Amino acid sequence: MFRLWGKIWQDNRLQRDTTICDDSQDTRTHKIFRALDEICTQFDLGKPIWLDSNIREFQRHSKTRFTQDNFIEQIPFDFLEIQVIEE
């Protein structure tokens, strides 16, 4: 089972979180993008833009943060963090 944990942080405090589970036989990349879409839907956010730094961090640590630089619209928090917690 694949699980991705999405967390919204503001002022060093966890504001909201959710876990997305995916049992499909799809590729890891497709599971990540699908789970991120679901997280953004649950949190009523636009989809963040993956910058090169996000891709490198996610490849190394299975975890990355999306700050205001990753979003087109204003966000009312410091960053959205996603982390793979089970594969």
N, C-alpha and C. Protein backbone atom coordinates (compact mmCIF):
# COMPACT_ATOMS: atom_id res chain seq x y z
N MET A 1 0.84 -1.18 0.00
CA MET A 1 0.00 0.00 0.00
C MET A 1 0.89 1.24 0.00
N PHE A 2 0.49 2.23 -0.78
CA PHE A 2 1.19 3.50 -0.87
C PHE A 2 0.41 4.53 -0.06
N ARG A 3 1.11 5.27 0.81
CA ARG A 3 0.45 6.31 1.61
C ARG A 3 1.28 7.59 1.56
N LEU A 4 0.59 8.70 1.30
CA LEU A 4 1.23 10.01 1.25
C LEU A 4 0.57 10.89 2.30
N TRP A 5 1.39 11.54 3.11
CA TRP A 5 0.91 12.39 4.19
C TRP A 5 1.07 13.85 3.76
N GLY A 6 -0.02 14.60 3.77
CA GLY A 6 0.02 16.02 3.44
C GLY A 6 -0.24 16.85 4.67
N LYS A 7 0.59 17.88 4.89
CA LYS A 7 0.48 18.70 6.10
C LYS A 7 0.59 20.17 5.75
N ILE A 8 -0.25 20.99 6.36
CA ILE A 8 -0.17 22.44 6.22
C ILE A 8 0.42 23.00 7.52
N TRP A 9 1.48 23.80 7.37
CA TRP A 9 2.19 24.37 8.51
C TRP A 9 2.08 25.89 8.49
N GLN A 10 1.88 26.48 9.67
CA GLN A 10 1.92 27.92 9.81
C GLN A 10 2.50 28.25 11.17
N ASP A 11 3.48 29.13 11.20
CA ASP A 11 4.14 29.54 12.44
C ASP A 11 4.66 28.34 13.23
N ASN A 12 5.28 27.39 12.52
CA ASN A 12 5.85 26.18 13.12
C ASN A 12 4.82 25.31 13.84
N ARG A 13 3.57 25.41 13.41
CA ARG A 13 2.51 24.59 13.99
C ARG A 13 1.76 23.88 12.87
N LEU A 14 1.46 22.64 13.12
CA LEU A 14 0.67 21.86 12.17
C LEU A 14 -0.78 22.35 12.23
N GLN A 15 -1.30 22.84 11.11
CA GLN A 15 -2.66 23.36 11.05
C GLN A 15 -3.67 22.30 10.60
N ARG A 16 -3.31 21.56 9.55
CA ARG A 16 -4.18 20.51 9.00
C ARG A 16 -3.30 19.42 8.43
N ASP A 17 -3.83 18.21 8.42
CA ASP A 17 -3.13 17.11 7.77
C ASP A 17 -4.12 16.08 7.26
N THR A 18 -3.65 15.29 6.33
CA THR A 18 -4.45 14.21 5.78
C THR A 18 -3.51 13.15 5.23
N THR A 19 -4.00 11.94 5.16
CA THR A 19 -3.23 10.83 4.58
C THR A 19 -4.03 10.26 3.43
N ILE A 20 -3.36 10.08 2.30
CA ILE A 20 -3.98 9.52 1.11
C ILE A 20 -3.41 8.13 0.88
N CYS A 21 -4.27 7.15 0.74
CA CYS A 21 -3.86 5.76 0.50
C CYS A 21 -4.17 5.39 -0.95
N ASP A 22 -3.28 4.60 -1.55
CA ASP A 22 -3.46 4.18 -2.94
C ASP A 22 -3.00 2.74 -3.09
N ASP A 23 -3.92 1.85 -3.42
CA ASP A 23 -3.61 0.43 -3.60
C ASP A 23 -3.47 0.03 -5.07
N SER A 24 -3.51 1.00 -5.96
CA SER A 24 -3.47 0.68 -7.39
C SER A 24 -2.11 0.12 -7.80
N GLN A 25 -2.05 -0.44 -8.98
CA GLN A 25 -0.81 -1.01 -9.52
C GLN A 25 -0.07 0.01 -10.39
N ASP A 26 -0.43 1.27 -10.26
CA ASP A 26 0.17 2.33 -11.05
C ASP A 26 1.61 2.59 -10.62
N THR A 27 2.32 3.44 -11.37
CA THR A 27 3.70 3.78 -11.02
C THR A 27 3.72 4.69 -9.81
N ARG A 28 4.87 4.76 -9.16
CA ARG A 28 5.03 5.61 -7.98
C ARG A 28 4.74 7.07 -8.33
N THR A 29 5.23 7.53 -9.47
CA THR A 29 5.03 8.91 -9.89
C THR A 29 3.55 9.23 -10.05
N HIS A 30 2.80 8.35 -10.70
CA HIS A 30 1.37 8.57 -10.86
C HIS A 30 0.66 8.58 -9.52
N LYS A 31 1.06 7.72 -8.61
CA LYS A 31 0.45 7.69 -7.28
C LYS A 31 0.71 9.00 -6.54
N ILE A 32 1.92 9.52 -6.66
CA ILE A 32 2.27 10.78 -5.98
C ILE A 32 1.43 11.92 -6.52
N PHE A 33 1.35 12.05 -7.85
CA PHE A 33 0.57 13.14 -8.44
C PHE A 33 -0.91 13.02 -8.12
N ARG A 34 -1.45 11.81 -8.14
CA ARG A 34 -2.85 11.61 -7.80
C ARG A 34 -3.12 11.97 -6.34
N ALA A 35 -2.21 11.54 -5.45
CA ALA A 35 -2.38 11.84 -4.03
C ALA A 35 -2.25 13.34 -3.77
N LEU A 36 -1.32 14.01 -4.45
CA LEU A 36 -1.18 15.46 -4.29
C LEU A 36 -2.44 16.18 -4.77
N ASP A 37 -3.01 15.72 -5.87
CA ASP A 37 -4.28 16.30 -6.36
C ASP A 37 -5.38 16.15 -5.31
N GLU A 38 -5.46 14.98 -4.69
CA GLU A 38 -6.48 14.72 -3.67
C GLU A 38 -6.26 15.61 -2.44
N ILE A 39 -5.00 15.77 -2.03
CA ILE A 39 -4.67 16.65 -0.90
C ILE A 39 -5.10 18.08 -1.19
N CYS A 40 -4.78 18.56 -2.38
CA CYS A 40 -5.16 19.93 -2.76
C CYS A 40 -6.67 20.09 -2.81
N THR A 41 -7.38 19.08 -3.25
CA THR A 41 -8.84 19.12 -3.26
C THR A 41 -9.38 19.20 -1.84
N GLN A 42 -8.86 18.36 -0.95
CA GLN A 42 -9.33 18.36 0.45
C GLN A 42 -9.05 19.68 1.15
N PHE A 43 -7.89 20.29 0.84
CA PHE A 43 -7.50 21.54 1.49
C PHE A 43 -7.97 22.77 0.71
N ASP A 44 -8.68 22.55 -0.40
CA ASP A 44 -9.17 23.63 -1.26
C ASP A 44 -8.03 24.55 -1.72
N LEU A 45 -7.01 23.93 -2.31
CA LEU A 45 -5.84 24.65 -2.80
C LEU A 45 -5.68 24.44 -4.30
N GLY A 46 -5.00 25.40 -4.93
CA GLY A 46 -4.57 25.18 -6.30
C GLY A 46 -3.40 24.21 -6.29
N LYS A 47 -3.13 23.59 -7.42
CA LYS A 47 -2.03 22.63 -7.48
C LYS A 47 -0.70 23.36 -7.48
N PRO A 48 0.24 22.93 -6.65
CA PRO A 48 1.55 23.59 -6.62
C PRO A 48 2.39 23.22 -7.84
N ILE A 49 3.31 24.09 -8.16
CA ILE A 49 4.25 23.87 -9.25
C ILE A 49 5.49 23.19 -8.68
N TRP A 50 5.90 22.09 -9.30
CA TRP A 50 7.10 21.38 -8.87
C TRP A 50 8.33 22.10 -9.41
N LEU A 51 9.13 22.68 -8.54
CA LEU A 51 10.39 23.30 -8.94
C LEU A 51 11.49 22.25 -8.88
N ASP A 52 12.63 22.53 -9.50
CA ASP A 52 13.73 21.57 -9.50
C ASP A 52 14.16 21.21 -8.08
N SER A 53 14.14 22.19 -7.18
CA SER A 53 14.53 21.92 -5.79
C SER A 53 13.56 20.94 -5.12
N ASN A 54 12.27 21.06 -5.44
CA ASN A 54 11.28 20.12 -4.89
C ASN A 54 11.52 18.71 -5.40
N ILE A 55 11.81 18.59 -6.68
CA ILE A 55 12.03 17.28 -7.29
C ILE A 55 13.25 16.62 -6.65
N ARG A 56 14.35 17.36 -6.52
CA ARG A 56 15.58 16.80 -5.92
C ARG A 56 15.34 16.37 -4.47
N GLU A 57 14.69 17.24 -3.70
CA GLU A 57 14.42 16.93 -2.30
C GLU A 57 13.52 15.69 -2.18
N PHE A 58 12.50 15.60 -3.02
CA PHE A 58 11.59 14.46 -2.96
C PHE A 58 12.28 13.18 -3.37
N GLN A 59 13.16 13.23 -4.36
CA GLN A 59 13.88 12.04 -4.79
C GLN A 59 14.82 11.55 -3.69
N ARG A 60 15.43 12.47 -2.96
CA ARG A 60 16.38 12.08 -1.90
C ARG A 60 15.70 11.60 -0.63
N HIS A 61 14.65 12.30 -0.21
CA HIS A 61 14.09 12.06 1.12
C HIS A 61 12.63 11.61 1.12
N SER A 62 12.00 11.48 -0.04
CA SER A 62 10.57 11.15 -0.15
C SER A 62 9.72 12.16 0.62
N LYS A 63 10.17 13.42 0.60
CA LYS A 63 9.50 14.47 1.35
C LYS A 63 9.88 15.81 0.71
N THR A 64 8.92 16.73 0.61
CA THR A 64 9.23 18.07 0.11
C THR A 64 8.21 19.07 0.65
N ARG A 65 8.58 20.36 0.55
CA ARG A 65 7.72 21.45 1.00
C ARG A 65 7.40 22.36 -0.17
N PHE A 66 6.14 22.76 -0.25
CA PHE A 66 5.70 23.72 -1.24
C PHE A 66 5.40 25.03 -0.53
N THR A 67 6.16 26.07 -0.84
CA THR A 67 5.97 27.39 -0.23
C THR A 67 5.19 28.28 -1.19
N GLN A 68 5.09 29.56 -0.86
CA GLN A 68 4.37 30.51 -1.71
C GLN A 68 4.94 30.52 -3.13
N ASP A 69 6.23 30.28 -3.30
CA ASP A 69 6.85 30.27 -4.62
C ASP A 69 6.27 29.19 -5.53
N ASN A 70 5.69 28.15 -4.96
CA ASN A 70 5.14 27.04 -5.74
C ASN A 70 3.68 27.24 -6.14
N PHE A 71 3.04 28.23 -5.58
CA PHE A 71 1.62 28.46 -5.84
C PHE A 71 1.42 29.76 -6.63
N ILE A 72 0.44 29.76 -7.50
CA ILE A 72 0.12 30.96 -8.27
C ILE A 72 -0.66 31.94 -7.40
N GLU A 73 -1.65 31.42 -6.65
CA GLU A 73 -2.46 32.29 -5.80
C GLU A 73 -1.81 32.42 -4.42
N GLN A 74 -2.26 33.41 -3.66
CA GLN A 74 -1.80 33.59 -2.29
C GLN A 74 -2.23 32.42 -1.43
N ILE A 75 -1.37 31.98 -0.53
CA ILE A 75 -1.73 30.90 0.40
C ILE A 75 -1.74 31.45 1.83
N PRO A 76 -2.69 31.02 2.65
CA PRO A 76 -2.81 31.56 4.02
C PRO A 76 -2.01 30.75 5.04
N PHE A 77 -0.90 30.16 4.64
CA PHE A 77 -0.06 29.36 5.53
C PHE A 77 1.38 29.47 5.05
N ASP A 78 2.31 28.90 5.81
CA ASP A 78 3.73 29.00 5.45
C ASP A 78 4.13 28.02 4.35
N PHE A 79 3.72 26.75 4.51
CA PHE A 79 4.06 25.77 3.48
C PHE A 79 3.19 24.53 3.59
N LEU A 80 3.09 23.83 2.46
CA LEU A 80 2.43 22.53 2.38
C LEU A 80 3.56 21.50 2.26
N GLU A 81 3.54 20.52 3.13
CA GLU A 81 4.58 19.48 3.11
C GLU A 81 3.93 18.15 2.76
N ILE A 82 4.58 17.42 1.86
CA ILE A 82 4.11 16.07 1.56
C ILE A 82 5.24 15.09 1.85
N GLN A 83 4.86 13.90 2.31
CA GLN A 83 5.84 12.90 2.70
C GLN A 83 5.27 11.52 2.45
N VAL A 84 6.05 10.68 1.80
CA VAL A 84 5.66 9.28 1.61
C VAL A 84 5.92 8.57 2.93
N ILE A 85 4.88 7.94 3.48
CA ILE A 85 5.05 7.25 4.76
C ILE A 85 4.99 5.72 4.63
N GLU A 86 4.59 5.24 3.45
CA GLU A 86 4.57 3.79 3.23
C GLU A 86 4.54 3.51 1.74
N GLU A 87 5.35 2.53 1.34
CA GLU A 87 5.33 2.10 -0.07
C GLU A 87 5.20 0.61 -0.13
